Amino acid sequence: MRIGKYVIEFDNRPSIVGWSSIVSKKEGDGPLGKGFDMVIEDPMFGQDSWERAECEFHETSIGILLDKTGIKDSDVDIVYAGDLLNQCSSSGFCMRDYNIPYCGVYGACSTSVLSMINAAIAVESGLMQRCISSTSSHFCAAEKQFRYPLEYGGQRPPSAQWTVTGAASAMICGKSEKNCPKIEKAIIGRIVDKGVSDANNMGAAMAPAAAQTIADFLHDTNTKPEDYDIIVTGDLGSVGSELLYELMEKEYGISIRDVHNDTGMMMYYPEEQDVHAGGSGCACCGTVMCSKLLNEINSGVINKALIVATGALLSTISAFQGETIPCIAHGVLITNGKENESD
C-alpha cells in the first residue's frame, strides 16, 4: 500500500529473522566492536588482492547468516546484493559458491537499505518466501577505484571519510514471525545533485538527499521526528550530519537533532582512529544495522527506527570528467513488531 506520494507500507510486515556482520580490525577496535559476529585481524583476509578480500568478507557474511538462521542456501529464493566495486563484482563473485538466484543491486553506500527494500517488496508480493539482502565494502579497494591507490601516498583532507571494511547480510521472510524485527514501511529516494564534485567530501554531497528523503517520509506518514526512537543516517559522517541538520531546519522547518545518529559517526573513535570525518561505504550502514541496531530493536531497547542510507552515485569515469555527484537516500522503518503480535 502506498502512503502519500513516496512511502510504501507493508501490510504483512516482512520479518527480519536473522542478520550477520563481519568487519576488519579497524572497525573491531571501534565502539561497536563487540557487537559484530566476526572481526578479521587481516584486512587481506588471506587473499592476494583487496578485491578478492572484499569478496571473502561478503561470502563469509552470507555463510554466517545461513548458519545463524539454520536455513540452507537451497531454501533461499533470491539474494539482493551489491557493493562499490565495478559491476558489483564482490557480490556477484561471492555468489558463485551459493546455490541461490542472485539479483545485483547498486545504490553505492545506500545499498544495504536498497537491497532490504527489494527483499521486503519481493516477500510482501508473495512471490518469494525467504530473501537475503547483503552488501560489502573495503577501504583499500574503494580508495583504489574512486580516488587513488594507497601506494600513491595521497593526503586525505579533513572532509574525507574512511570506507568500512566488512560485509553485512539479513534474512527477510514473508511469513510474519514473532520475536523478530519487522519492516513496516519503506521509501525509495529521488536523485539530488547540488553541484558537489569533490570525491573526498561525500558527506556534503549526500546530505541534501538524506534531508529530502527524511522530509518526504515524515510528510507522507504525517509524523514528527519525536515519533521515532531514532533516525539513523548512513553514512554522512561529521561534515554531512551537521549539514543535514542545517538543511532540515532551513528548507523543511524540521529539527532532528534530538533523535538523529549517523552510522559513520557510530563506527569509529574519530579522534583515536584517525578517520577524519567518520566512516563510509556500503558496509558502514550495513554492519551497524546488522549488529547494534537490529540487536536493540529485537530486544526492545529501540521500538521504532527510521534508517536512511545514503549513496553517492559517482563513477571513476564521471569523477575524472569533472561531473558533479548525483546522490540518493533510501529509508526503511523497522520496528520490534510487539504491538502486532497479540493480533
C-alpha atoms as a PDB file:
ATOM      1  CA  MET A   1       0.000   0.000   0.000  1.00  0.00           C
ATOM      2  CA  ARG A   2       1.197   3.488  -0.815  1.00  0.00           C
ATOM      3  CA  ILE A   3       1.043   6.283   1.743  1.00  0.00           C
ATOM      4  CA  GLY A   4       1.192   9.737   0.263  1.00  0.00           C
ATOM      5  CA  LYS A   5       3.423  10.073  -2.778  1.00  0.00           C
ATOM      6  CA  TYR A   6       6.561   8.149  -1.865  1.00  0.00           C
ATOM      7  CA  VAL A   7       6.109   5.826   1.137  1.00  0.00           C
ATOM      8  CA  ILE A   8       5.374   2.095   0.882  1.00  0.00           C
ATOM      9  CA  GLU A   9       3.569   0.412   3.786  1.00  0.00           C
ATOM     10  CA  PHE A  10       3.905  -3.344   4.115  1.00  0.00           C
ATOM     11  CA  ASP A  11       0.632  -4.877   5.295  1.00  0.00           C
ATOM     12  CA  ASN A  12       2.285  -8.194   6.162  1.00  0.00           C
ATOM     13  CA  ARG A  13       5.261  -6.645   7.965  1.00  0.00           C
ATOM     14  CA  PRO A  14       8.134  -8.688   6.449  1.00  0.00           C
ATOM     15  CA  SER A  15      10.211 -10.256   9.213  1.00  0.00           C
ATOM     16  CA  ILE A  16      13.967  -9.907   9.610  1.00  0.00           C
ATOM     17  CA  VAL A  17      14.605 -13.361  11.049  1.00  0.00           C
ATOM     18  CA  GLY A  18      18.386 -13.153  11.098  1.00  0.00           C
ATOM     19  CA  TRP A  19      21.312 -10.846  10.440  1.00  0.00           C
ATOM     20  CA  SER A  20      25.088 -11.010  10.344  1.00  0.00           C
ATOM     21  CA  SER A  21      28.033  -8.634  10.289  1.00  0.00           C
ATOM     22  CA  ILE A  22      31.743  -9.130   9.717  1.00  0.00           C
ATOM     23  CA  VAL A  23      34.395  -6.405   9.853  1.00  0.00           C
ATOM     24  CA  SER A  24      38.153  -5.897   9.825  1.00  0.00           C
ATOM     25  CA  LYS A  25      40.386  -4.954  12.751  1.00  0.00           C
ATOM     26  CA  LYS A  26      39.962  -1.176  12.499  1.00  0.00           C
ATOM     27  CA  GLU A  27      36.193  -1.491  12.792  1.00  0.00           C
ATOM     28  CA  GLY A  28      36.552  -4.099  15.520  1.00  0.00           C
ATOM     29  CA  ASP A  29      38.643  -1.633  17.520  1.00  0.00           C
ATOM     30  CA  GLY A  30      35.806   0.908  17.386  1.00  0.00           C
ATOM     31  CA  PRO A  31      32.971   1.427  19.894  1.00  0.00           C
ATOM     32  CA  LEU A  32      30.754  -1.241  18.278  1.00  0.00           C
ATOM     33  CA  GLY A  33      33.470  -3.894  18.041  1.00  0.00           C
ATOM     34  CA  LYS A  34      31.933  -6.394  20.459  1.00  0.00           C
ATOM     35  CA  GLY A  35      28.633  -6.435  18.587  1.00  0.00           C
ATOM     36  CA  PHE A  36      29.880  -7.811  15.275  1.00  0.00           C
ATOM     37  CA  ASP A  37      29.661 -11.532  14.540  1.00  0.00           C
ATOM     38  CA  MET A  38      33.266 -11.722  13.400  1.00  0.00           C
ATOM     39  CA  VAL A  39      36.320  -9.457  13.394  1.00  0.00           C
ATOM     40  CA  ILE A  40      39.091 -10.335  10.919  1.00  0.00           C
ATOM     41  CA  GLU A  41      42.518  -9.133  12.022  1.00  0.00           C
ATOM     42  CA  ASP A  42      43.957  -9.190   8.489  1.00  0.00           C
ATOM     43  CA  PRO A  43      42.165  -6.861   6.026  1.00  0.00           C
ATOM     44  CA  MET A  44      43.556  -9.023   3.207  1.00  0.00           C
ATOM     45  CA  PHE A  45      41.591 -11.966   4.675  1.00  0.00           C
ATOM     46  CA  GLY A  46      44.237 -14.360   3.349  1.00  0.00           C
ATOM     47  CA  GLN A  47      43.720 -13.241  -0.267  1.00  0.00           C
ATOM     48  CA  ASP A  48      46.160 -11.763  -2.783  1.00  0.00           C
ATOM     49  CA  SER A  49      44.167  -8.633  -3.694  1.00  0.00           C
ATOM     50  CA  TRP A  50      41.903  -6.140  -1.970  1.00  0.00           C
ATOM     51  CA  GLU A  51      39.051  -7.057  -4.287  1.00  0.00           C
ATOM     52  CA  ARG A  52      39.308 -10.754  -3.506  1.00  0.00           C
ATOM     53  CA  ALA A  53      39.473  -9.892   0.184  1.00  0.00           C
ATOM     54  CA  GLU A  54      36.187  -7.978  -0.073  1.00  0.00           C
ATOM     55  CA  CYS A  55      34.620 -10.923  -1.856  1.00  0.00           C
ATOM     56  CA  GLU A  56      35.738 -13.151   1.033  1.00  0.00           C
ATOM     57  CA  PHE A  57      34.177 -10.772   3.570  1.00  0.00           C
ATOM     58  CA  HIS A  58      30.924 -10.806   1.609  1.00  0.00           C
ATOM     59  CA  GLU A  59      30.805 -14.568   1.171  1.00  0.00           C
ATOM     60  CA  THR A  60      31.580 -15.133   4.848  1.00  0.00           C
ATOM     61  CA  SER A  61      28.796 -12.779   5.934  1.00  0.00           C
ATOM     62  CA  ILE A  62      26.218 -14.775   3.970  1.00  0.00           C
ATOM     63  CA  GLY A  63      27.618 -18.006   5.412  1.00  0.00           C
ATOM     64  CA  ILE A  64      27.304 -16.685   8.956  1.00  0.00           C
ATOM     65  CA  LEU A  65      23.705 -15.654   8.248  1.00  0.00           C
ATOM     66  CA  LEU A  66      22.784 -19.100   6.953  1.00  0.00           C
ATOM     67  CA  ASP A  67      24.412 -20.735   9.978  1.00  0.00           C
ATOM     68  CA  LYS A  68      22.616 -18.415  12.425  1.00  0.00           C
ATOM     69  CA  THR A  69      19.190 -18.942  10.866  1.00  0.00           C
ATOM     70  CA  GLY A  70      19.629 -22.643  10.138  1.00  0.00           C
ATOM     71  CA  ILE A  71      18.346 -22.060   6.607  1.00  0.00           C
ATOM     72  CA  LYS A  72      20.011 -23.858   3.703  1.00  0.00           C
ATOM     73  CA  ASP A  73      21.084 -21.839   0.683  1.00  0.00           C
ATOM     74  CA  SER A  74      18.833 -24.018  -1.485  1.00  0.00           C
ATOM     75  CA  ASP A  75      15.847 -22.840   0.587  1.00  0.00           C
ATOM     76  CA  VAL A  76      16.500 -19.146  -0.113  1.00  0.00           C
ATOM     77  CA  ASP A  77      14.502 -17.761  -3.045  1.00  0.00           C
ATOM     78  CA  ILE A  78      16.820 -14.900  -4.019  1.00  0.00           C
ATOM     79  CA  VAL A  79      19.718 -12.752  -2.864  1.00  0.00           C
ATOM     80  CA  TYR A  80      19.634  -8.994  -3.428  1.00  0.00           C
ATOM     81  CA  ALA A  81      23.206  -7.803  -3.014  1.00  0.00           C
ATOM     82  CA  GLY A  82      25.577  -5.075  -4.113  1.00  0.00           C
ATOM     83  CA  ASP A  83      28.820  -3.275  -3.334  1.00  0.00           C
ATOM     84  CA  LEU A  84      31.020  -0.427  -4.555  1.00  0.00           C
ATOM     85  CA  LEU A  85      33.226  -2.311  -6.999  1.00  0.00           C
ATOM     86  CA  ASN A  86      32.778  -2.144 -10.764  1.00  0.00           C
ATOM     87  CA  GLN A  87      29.868  -4.317 -11.924  1.00  0.00           C
ATOM     88  CA  CYS A  88      29.155  -5.224  -8.263  1.00  0.00           C
ATOM     89  CA  SER A  89      31.900  -7.821  -8.633  1.00  0.00           C
ATOM     90  CA  SER A  90      32.268  -8.530  -4.913  1.00  0.00           C
ATOM     91  CA  SER A  91      28.617  -9.565  -4.734  1.00  0.00           C
ATOM     92  CA  GLY A  92      28.498 -11.482  -7.985  1.00  0.00           C
ATOM     93  CA  PHE A  93      31.780 -13.298  -7.445  1.00  0.00           C
ATOM     94  CA  CYS A  94      30.922 -14.394  -3.906  1.00  0.00           C
ATOM     95  CA  MET A  95      27.632 -15.894  -5.085  1.00  0.00           C
ATOM     96  CA  ARG A  96      29.497 -18.410  -7.240  1.00  0.00           C
ATOM     97  CA  ASP A  97      29.669 -20.684  -4.207  1.00  0.00           C
ATOM     98  CA  TYR A  98      25.981 -20.450  -3.264  1.00  0.00           C
ATOM     99  CA  ASN A  99      23.053 -22.191  -4.894  1.00  0.00           C
ATOM    100  CA  ILE A 100      20.808 -19.116  -4.759  1.00  0.00           C
ATOM    101  CA  PRO A 101      19.324 -16.920  -7.530  1.00  0.00           C
ATOM    102  CA  TYR A 102      21.111 -13.574  -7.482  1.00  0.00           C
ATOM    103  CA  CYS A 103      19.978 -10.039  -8.284  1.00  0.00           C
ATOM    104  CA  GLY A 104      22.691  -7.385  -8.281  1.00  0.00           C
ATOM    105  CA  VAL A 105      21.720  -4.072  -6.677  1.00  0.00           C
ATOM    106  CA  TYR A 106      23.678  -0.820  -6.854  1.00  0.00           C
ATOM    107  CA  GLY A 107      22.955   2.129  -4.617  1.00  0.00           C
ATOM    108  CA  ALA A 108      26.545   2.977  -3.634  1.00  0.00           C
ATOM    109  CA  CYS A 109      26.607   3.405   0.155  1.00  0.00           C
ATOM    110  CA  SER A 110      22.799   3.126   0.285  1.00  0.00           C
ATOM    111  CA  THR A 111      22.918  -0.480  -0.953  1.00  0.00           C
ATOM    112  CA  SER A 112      22.213  -2.096   2.433  1.00  0.00           C
ATOM    113  CA  VAL A 113      18.812  -0.431   2.686  1.00  0.00           C
ATOM    114  CA  LEU A 114      18.039  -0.581  -1.050  1.00  0.00           C
ATOM    115  CA  SER A 115      18.625  -4.344  -1.126  1.00  0.00           C
ATOM    116  CA  MET A 116      16.476  -4.747   2.004  1.00  0.00           C
ATOM    117  CA  ILE A 117      13.632  -2.815   0.376  1.00  0.00           C
ATOM    118  CA  ASN A 118      13.826  -5.065  -2.684  1.00  0.00           C
ATOM    119  CA  ALA A 119      13.685  -8.142  -0.457  1.00  0.00           C
ATOM    120  CA  ALA A 120      10.734  -6.755   1.503  1.00  0.00           C
ATOM    121  CA  ILE A 121       8.784  -5.994  -1.695  1.00  0.00           C
ATOM    122  CA  ALA A 122       9.512  -9.494  -3.001  1.00  0.00           C
ATOM    123  CA  VAL A 123       8.193 -11.283   0.083  1.00  0.00           C
ATOM    124  CA  GLU A 124       5.267  -8.885   0.500  1.00  0.00           C
ATOM    125  CA  SER A 125       4.132  -9.772  -3.009  1.00  0.00           C
ATOM    126  CA  GLY A 126       4.005 -13.448  -2.096  1.00  0.00           C
ATOM    127  CA  LEU A 127       6.285 -14.439  -4.971  1.00  0.00           C
ATOM    128  CA  MET A 128       9.177 -15.063  -2.561  1.00  0.00           C
ATOM    129  CA  GLN A 129       9.240 -16.508   0.948  1.00  0.00           C
ATOM    130  CA  ARG A 130      12.873 -16.131   2.003  1.00  0.00           C
ATOM    131  CA  CYS A 131      15.219 -13.463   0.660  1.00  0.00           C
ATOM    132  CA  ILE A 132      18.687 -12.303   1.640  1.00  0.00           C
ATOM    133  CA  SER A 133      19.786  -8.688   1.442  1.00  0.00           C
ATOM    134  CA  SER A 134      23.547  -8.250   1.547  1.00  0.00           C
ATOM    135  CA  THR A 135      26.347  -5.767   0.926  1.00  0.00           C
ATOM    136  CA  SER A 136      30.081  -5.180   1.408  1.00  0.00           C
ATOM    137  CA  SER A 137      32.871  -2.636   1.051  1.00  0.00           C
ATOM    138  CA  HIS A 138      36.627  -2.468   1.577  1.00  0.00           C
ATOM    139  CA  PHE A 139      38.711   0.613   2.363  1.00  0.00           C
ATOM    140  CA  CYS A 140      41.647  -0.248   0.117  1.00  0.00           C
ATOM    141  CA  ALA A 141      39.530  -1.429  -2.808  1.00  0.00           C
ATOM    142  CA  ALA A 142      37.369   1.705  -2.667  1.00  0.00           C
ATOM    143  CA  GLU A 143      40.345   4.080  -2.443  1.00  0.00           C
ATOM    144  CA  LYS A 144      41.934   2.323  -5.421  1.00  0.00           C
ATOM    145  CA  GLN A 145      38.774   2.590  -7.521  1.00  0.00           C
ATOM    146  CA  PHE A 146      37.361   6.015  -6.653  1.00  0.00           C
ATOM    147  CA  ARG A 147      40.339   8.076  -5.511  1.00  0.00           C
ATOM    148  CA  TYR A 148      43.999   6.998  -5.533  1.00  0.00           C
ATOM    149  CA  PRO A 149      45.667   3.649  -4.791  1.00  0.00           C
ATOM    150  CA  LEU A 150      47.264   3.618  -1.342  1.00  0.00           C
ATOM    151  CA  GLU A 151      50.716   3.256  -2.932  1.00  0.00           C
ATOM    152  CA  TYR A 152      50.423   6.857  -4.156  1.00  0.00           C
ATOM    153  CA  GLY A 153      50.532   8.105  -0.563  1.00  0.00           C
ATOM    154  CA  GLY A 154      47.940  10.780  -1.248  1.00  0.00           C
ATOM    155  CA  GLN A 155      46.838  13.017   1.605  1.00  0.00           C
ATOM    156  CA  ARG A 156      43.219  12.776   2.692  1.00  0.00           C
ATOM    157  CA  PRO A 157      41.523  16.112   3.523  1.00  0.00           C
ATOM    158  CA  PRO A 158      39.565  16.585   6.780  1.00  0.00           C
ATOM    159  CA  SER A 159      36.254  16.090   4.939  1.00  0.00           C
ATOM    160  CA  ALA A 160      37.272  12.597   3.747  1.00  0.00           C
ATOM    161  CA  GLN A 161      35.684   9.517   5.312  1.00  0.00           C
ATOM    162  CA  TRP A 162      37.067   6.043   5.937  1.00  0.00           C
ATOM    163  CA  THR A 163      35.400   3.276   3.919  1.00  0.00           C
ATOM    164  CA  VAL A 164      34.397   0.455   6.252  1.00  0.00           C
ATOM    165  CA  THR A 165      35.973  -2.915   5.513  1.00  0.00           C
ATOM    166  CA  GLY A 166      33.319  -5.540   6.092  1.00  0.00           C
ATOM    167  CA  ALA A 167      30.041  -7.055   4.994  1.00  0.00           C
ATOM    168  CA  ALA A 168      26.517  -7.483   6.321  1.00  0.00           C
ATOM    169  CA  SER A 169      23.537  -9.689   5.470  1.00  0.00           C
ATOM    170  CA  ALA A 170      19.926 -10.061   6.579  1.00  0.00           C
ATOM    171  CA  MET A 171      17.290 -12.748   6.035  1.00  0.00           C
ATOM    172  CA  ILE A 172      13.877 -11.347   5.129  1.00  0.00           C
ATOM    173  CA  CYS A 173      10.837 -13.651   5.355  1.00  0.00           C
ATOM    174  CA  GLY A 174       7.306 -13.108   4.111  1.00  0.00           C
ATOM    175  CA  LYS A 175       5.658 -15.117   6.837  1.00  0.00           C
ATOM    176  CA  SER A 176       5.268 -12.899   9.886  1.00  0.00           C
ATOM    177  CA  GLU A 177       7.476 -14.353  12.600  1.00  0.00           C
ATOM    178  CA  LYS A 178       7.212 -13.486  16.266  1.00  0.00           C
ATOM    179  CA  ASN A 179      10.077 -12.110  18.311  1.00  0.00           C
ATOM    180  CA  CYS A 180      11.993 -10.506  15.486  1.00  0.00           C
ATOM    181  CA  PRO A 181      12.202  -7.051  13.865  1.00  0.00           C
ATOM    182  CA  LYS A 182       9.619  -6.129  11.239  1.00  0.00           C
ATOM    183  CA  ILE A 183       9.899  -3.919   8.167  1.00  0.00           C
ATOM    184  CA  GLU A 184       6.874  -1.672   8.467  1.00  0.00           C
ATOM    185  CA  LYS A 185       7.459   0.995   5.816  1.00  0.00           C
ATOM    186  CA  ALA A 186       9.978   1.996   3.174  1.00  0.00           C
ATOM    187  CA  ILE A 187      10.779   4.898   0.913  1.00  0.00           C
ATOM    188  CA  ILE A 188      12.796   4.876  -2.297  1.00  0.00           C
ATOM    189  CA  GLY A 189      14.579   8.176  -2.702  1.00  0.00           C
ATOM    190  CA  ARG A 190      14.973  10.601  -5.571  1.00  0.00           C
ATOM    191  CA  ILE A 191      18.224  11.786  -7.139  1.00  0.00           C
ATOM    192  CA  VAL A 192      19.583  15.015  -5.677  1.00  0.00           C
ATOM    193  CA  ASP A 193      22.602  16.820  -7.111  1.00  0.00           C
ATOM    194  CA  LYS A 194      23.618  20.118  -5.521  1.00  0.00           C
ATOM    195  CA  GLY A 195      26.764  20.547  -7.582  1.00  0.00           C
ATOM    196  CA  VAL A 196      29.348  18.940  -5.286  1.00  0.00           C
ATOM    197  CA  SER A 197      32.136  17.349  -7.338  1.00  0.00           C
ATOM    198  CA  ASP A 198      34.737  16.581  -4.664  1.00  0.00           C
ATOM    199  CA  ALA A 199      35.057  12.798  -4.236  1.00  0.00           C
ATOM    200  CA  ASN A 200      36.663  13.464  -0.843  1.00  0.00           C
ATOM    201  CA  ASN A 201      33.576  15.216   0.509  1.00  0.00           C
ATOM    202  CA  MET A 202      30.839  12.592   0.335  1.00  0.00           C
ATOM    203  CA  GLY A 203      29.038  13.962   3.396  1.00  0.00           C
ATOM    204  CA  ALA A 204      28.340  17.312   1.757  1.00  0.00           C
ATOM    205  CA  ALA A 205      27.260  15.617  -1.471  1.00  0.00           C
ATOM    206  CA  MET A 206      24.826  13.197   0.206  1.00  0.00           C
ATOM    207  CA  ALA A 207      23.294  15.351   2.951  1.00  0.00           C
ATOM    208  CA  PRO A 208      20.708  17.020   0.654  1.00  0.00           C
ATOM    209  CA  ALA A 209      19.437  13.602  -0.486  1.00  0.00           C
ATOM    210  CA  ALA A 210      19.108  12.450   3.132  1.00  0.00           C
ATOM    211  CA  ALA A 211      17.217  15.623   4.044  1.00  0.00           C
ATOM    212  CA  GLN A 212      14.811  15.211   1.129  1.00  0.00           C
ATOM    213  CA  THR A 213      14.046  11.552   1.885  1.00  0.00           C
ATOM    214  CA  ILE A 214      13.545  12.132   5.614  1.00  0.00           C
ATOM    215  CA  ALA A 215      11.277  15.121   4.924  1.00  0.00           C
ATOM    216  CA  ASP A 216       9.284  13.142   2.345  1.00  0.00           C
ATOM    217  CA  PHE A 217       8.847  10.238   4.760  1.00  0.00           C
ATOM    218  CA  LEU A 218       7.688  12.436   7.627  1.00  0.00           C
ATOM    219  CA  HIS A 219       5.318  14.354   5.345  1.00  0.00           C
ATOM    220  CA  ASP A 220       3.725  11.276   3.759  1.00  0.00           C
ATOM    221  CA  THR A 221       3.301   9.476   7.092  1.00  0.00           C
ATOM    222  CA  ASN A 222       2.148  12.639   8.906  1.00  0.00           C
ATOM    223  CA  THR A 223       4.696  12.021  11.656  1.00  0.00           C
ATOM    224  CA  LYS A 224       7.304  14.042  13.534  1.00  0.00           C
ATOM    225  CA  PRO A 225      10.918  13.184  14.427  1.00  0.00           C
ATOM    226  CA  GLU A 226       9.926  12.595  18.051  1.00  0.00           C
ATOM    227  CA  ASP A 227       7.594   9.797  16.946  1.00  0.00           C
ATOM    228  CA  TYR A 228      10.703   7.655  16.394  1.00  0.00           C
ATOM    229  CA  ASP A 229      13.176   6.363  18.923  1.00  0.00           C
ATOM    230  CA  ILE A 230      15.988   7.043  16.494  1.00  0.00           C
ATOM    231  CA  ILE A 231      16.524   8.334  12.962  1.00  0.00           C
ATOM    232  CA  VAL A 232      19.773   6.907  11.630  1.00  0.00           C
ATOM    233  CA  THR A 233      21.564   8.020   8.501  1.00  0.00           C
ATOM    234  CA  GLY A 234      24.340   6.098   6.839  1.00  0.00           C
ATOM    235  CA  ASP A 235      26.758   7.490   6.205  1.00  0.00           C
ATOM    236  CA  LEU A 236      27.139  11.237   6.310  1.00  0.00           C
ATOM    237  CA  GLY A 237      29.927  11.460   8.861  1.00  0.00           C
ATOM    238  CA  SER A 238      30.514  14.631  10.884  1.00  0.00           C
ATOM    239  CA  VAL A 239      30.519  17.053   7.941  1.00  0.00           C
ATOM    240  CA  GLY A 240      27.367  15.669   6.345  1.00  0.00           C
ATOM    241  CA  SER A 241      25.486  15.283   9.633  1.00  0.00           C
ATOM    242  CA  GLU A 242      25.902  18.925  10.552  1.00  0.00           C
ATOM    243  CA  LEU A 243      24.862  19.948   7.041  1.00  0.00           C
ATOM    244  CA  LEU A 244      21.830  17.660   7.318  1.00  0.00           C
ATOM    245  CA  TYR A 245      20.665  19.487  10.450  1.00  0.00           C
ATOM    246  CA  GLU A 246      21.017  22.848   8.745  1.00  0.00           C
ATOM    247  CA  LEU A 247      19.180  21.713   5.610  1.00  0.00           C
ATOM    248  CA  MET A 248      16.332  20.109   7.549  1.00  0.00           C
ATOM    249  CA  GLU A 249      15.800  23.219   9.624  1.00  0.00           C
ATOM    250  CA  LYS A 250      16.254  25.785   6.848  1.00  0.00           C
ATOM    251  CA  GLU A 251      14.450  24.062   3.960  1.00  0.00           C
ATOM    252  CA  TYR A 252      11.839  21.969   5.777  1.00  0.00           C
ATOM    253  CA  GLY A 253      11.422  23.571   9.197  1.00  0.00           C
ATOM    254  CA  ILE A 254      12.199  20.255  10.926  1.00  0.00           C
ATOM    255  CA  SER A 255      14.777  19.566  13.639  1.00  0.00           C
ATOM    256  CA  ILE A 256      16.045  16.006  14.008  1.00  0.00           C
ATOM    257  CA  ARG A 257      18.979  16.809  16.307  1.00  0.00           C
ATOM    258  CA  ASP A 258      17.468  15.112  19.358  1.00  0.00           C
ATOM    259  CA  VAL A 259      16.803  11.754  17.686  1.00  0.00           C
ATOM    260  CA  HIS A 260      19.459  11.522  14.970  1.00  0.00           C
ATOM    261  CA  ASN A 261      22.625   9.487  14.767  1.00  0.00           C
ATOM    262  CA  ASP A 262      24.818   8.548  11.827  1.00  0.00           C
ATOM    263  CA  THR A 263      26.495   5.196  11.250  1.00  0.00           C
ATOM    264  CA  GLY A 264      29.605   6.973  10.016  1.00  0.00           C
ATOM    265  CA  MET A 265      29.853   8.607  13.438  1.00  0.00           C
ATOM    266  CA  MET A 266      28.971   5.426  15.335  1.00  0.00           C
ATOM    267  CA  MET A 267      31.569   3.140  13.756  1.00  0.00           C
ATOM    268  CA  TYR A 268      34.858   4.628  14.969  1.00  0.00           C
ATOM    269  CA  TYR A 269      36.503   6.641  17.726  1.00  0.00           C
ATOM    270  CA  PRO A 270      37.175   9.643  15.456  1.00  0.00           C
ATOM    271  CA  GLU A 271      39.976  11.223  17.470  1.00  0.00           C
ATOM    272  CA  GLU A 272      41.802   7.996  18.274  1.00  0.00           C
ATOM    273  CA  GLN A 273      41.419   6.156  14.973  1.00  0.00           C
ATOM    274  CA  ASP A 274      42.222   8.967  12.505  1.00  0.00           C
ATOM    275  CA  VAL A 275      39.215   8.518  10.252  1.00  0.00           C
ATOM    276  CA  HIS A 276      38.772  12.248   9.643  1.00  0.00           C
ATOM    277  CA  ALA A 277      35.034  12.889   9.084  1.00  0.00           C
ATOM    278  CA  GLY A 278      33.947   9.331  10.044  1.00  0.00           C
ATOM    279  CA  GLY A 279      33.032   6.074   8.348  1.00  0.00           C
ATOM    280  CA  SER A 280      31.515   5.425   4.930  1.00  0.00           C
ATOM    281  CA  GLY A 281      30.988   2.628   2.410  1.00  0.00           C
ATOM    282  CA  CYS A 282      28.252   0.072   1.827  1.00  0.00           C
ATOM    283  CA  ALA A 283      29.347  -1.875   4.887  1.00  0.00           C
ATOM    284  CA  CYS A 284      29.134   1.153   7.168  1.00  0.00           C
ATOM    285  CA  CYS A 285      25.349   1.346   7.370  1.00  0.00           C
ATOM    286  CA  GLY A 286      25.082  -2.383   6.658  1.00  0.00           C
ATOM    287  CA  THR A 287      27.216  -3.630   9.539  1.00  0.00           C
ATOM    288  CA  VAL A 288      25.868  -1.115  12.077  1.00  0.00           C
ATOM    289  CA  MET A 289      22.301  -2.033  11.117  1.00  0.00           C
ATOM    290  CA  CYS A 290      23.040  -5.780  11.205  1.00  0.00           C
ATOM    291  CA  SER A 291      24.608  -5.591  14.652  1.00  0.00           C
ATOM    292  CA  LYS A 292      23.794  -2.803  17.101  1.00  0.00           C
ATOM    293  CA  LEU A 293      20.574  -1.505  15.554  1.00  0.00           C
ATOM    294  CA  LEU A 294      18.793  -4.795  14.842  1.00  0.00           C
ATOM    295  CA  ASN A 295      20.002  -6.232  18.150  1.00  0.00           C
ATOM    296  CA  GLU A 296      18.497  -3.289  20.031  1.00  0.00           C
ATOM    297  CA  ILE A 297      15.279  -3.378  18.028  1.00  0.00           C
ATOM    298  CA  ASN A 298      14.964  -7.108  18.647  1.00  0.00           C
ATOM    299  CA  SER A 299      15.494  -6.699  22.392  1.00  0.00           C
ATOM    300  CA  GLY A 300      13.056  -3.790  22.688  1.00  0.00           C
ATOM    301  CA  VAL A 301      15.669  -1.154  23.540  1.00  0.00           C
ATOM    302  CA  ILE A 302      14.543   0.537  20.313  1.00  0.00           C
ATOM    303  CA  ASN A 303      10.905   0.232  19.230  1.00  0.00           C
ATOM    304  CA  LYS A 304      10.890   2.287  16.027  1.00  0.00           C
ATOM    305  CA  ALA A 305      13.959   3.095  13.945  1.00  0.00           C
ATOM    306  CA  LEU A 306      13.903   5.037  10.700  1.00  0.00           C
ATOM    307  CA  ILE A 307      17.099   4.015   8.911  1.00  0.00           C
ATOM    308  CA  VAL A 308      18.038   6.158   5.904  1.00  0.00           C
ATOM    309  CA  ALA A 309      21.077   5.049   3.905  1.00  0.00           C
ATOM    310  CA  THR A 310      22.717   7.493   1.523  1.00  0.00           C
ATOM    311  CA  GLY A 311      24.672   6.875  -1.656  1.00  0.00           C
ATOM    312  CA  ALA A 312      26.878   8.962  -3.926  1.00  0.00           C
ATOM    313  CA  LEU A 313      26.325   7.652  -7.442  1.00  0.00           C
ATOM    314  CA  LEU A 314      29.593   8.776  -8.979  1.00  0.00           C
ATOM    315  CA  SER A 315      31.842   6.554 -11.061  1.00  0.00           C
ATOM    316  CA  THR A 316      35.551   6.647 -11.790  1.00  0.00           C
ATOM    317  CA  ILE A 317      34.788   7.959 -15.260  1.00  0.00           C
ATOM    318  CA  SER A 318      32.348  10.665 -14.146  1.00  0.00           C
ATOM    319  CA  ALA A 319      34.760  11.933 -11.491  1.00  0.00           C
ATOM    320  CA  PHE A 320      37.663  12.224 -13.936  1.00  0.00           C
ATOM    321  CA  GLN A 321      35.408  14.018 -16.423  1.00  0.00           C
ATOM    322  CA  GLY A 322      34.544  16.677 -13.835  1.00  0.00           C
ATOM    323  CA  GLU A 323      30.902  15.658 -13.355  1.00  0.00           C
ATOM    324  CA  THR A 324      29.074  16.626 -10.202  1.00  0.00           C
ATOM    325  CA  ILE A 325      27.863  13.861  -7.895  1.00  0.00           C
ATOM    326  CA  PRO A 326      24.216  12.716  -8.063  1.00  0.00           C
ATOM    327  CA  CYS A 327      23.119  11.297  -4.713  1.00  0.00           C
ATOM    328  CA  ILE A 328      20.295   9.163  -3.356  1.00  0.00           C
ATOM    329  CA  ALA A 329      18.852   8.181   0.017  1.00  0.00           C
ATOM    330  CA  HIS A 330      16.558   5.216   0.721  1.00  0.00           C
ATOM    331  CA  GLY A 331      14.789   4.532   4.006  1.00  0.00           C
ATOM    332  CA  VAL A 332      13.191   1.718   5.974  1.00  0.00           C
ATOM    333  CA  LEU A 333      11.119   1.910   9.123  1.00  0.00           C
ATOM    334  CA  ILE A 334      11.965  -1.114  11.265  1.00  0.00           C
ATOM    335  CA  THR A 335      10.001  -1.888  14.428  1.00  0.00           C
ATOM    336  CA  ASN A 336      10.187  -4.637  17.016  1.00  0.00           C
ATOM    337  CA  GLY A 337       6.673  -5.679  15.976  1.00  0.00           C
ATOM    338  CA  LYS A 338       5.485  -6.270  19.536  1.00  0.00           C
ATOM    339  CA  GLU A 339       2.343  -4.210  19.045  1.00  0.00           C
ATOM    340  CA  ASN A 340       1.123  -6.613  16.360  1.00  0.00           C
ATOM    341  CA  GLU A 341       1.949  -9.950  17.994  1.00  0.00           C
ATOM    342  CA  SER A 342      -1.230 -10.059  20.069  1.00  0.00           C
ATOM    343  CA  ASP A 343      -3.393  -9.537  16.978  1.00  0.00           C
END
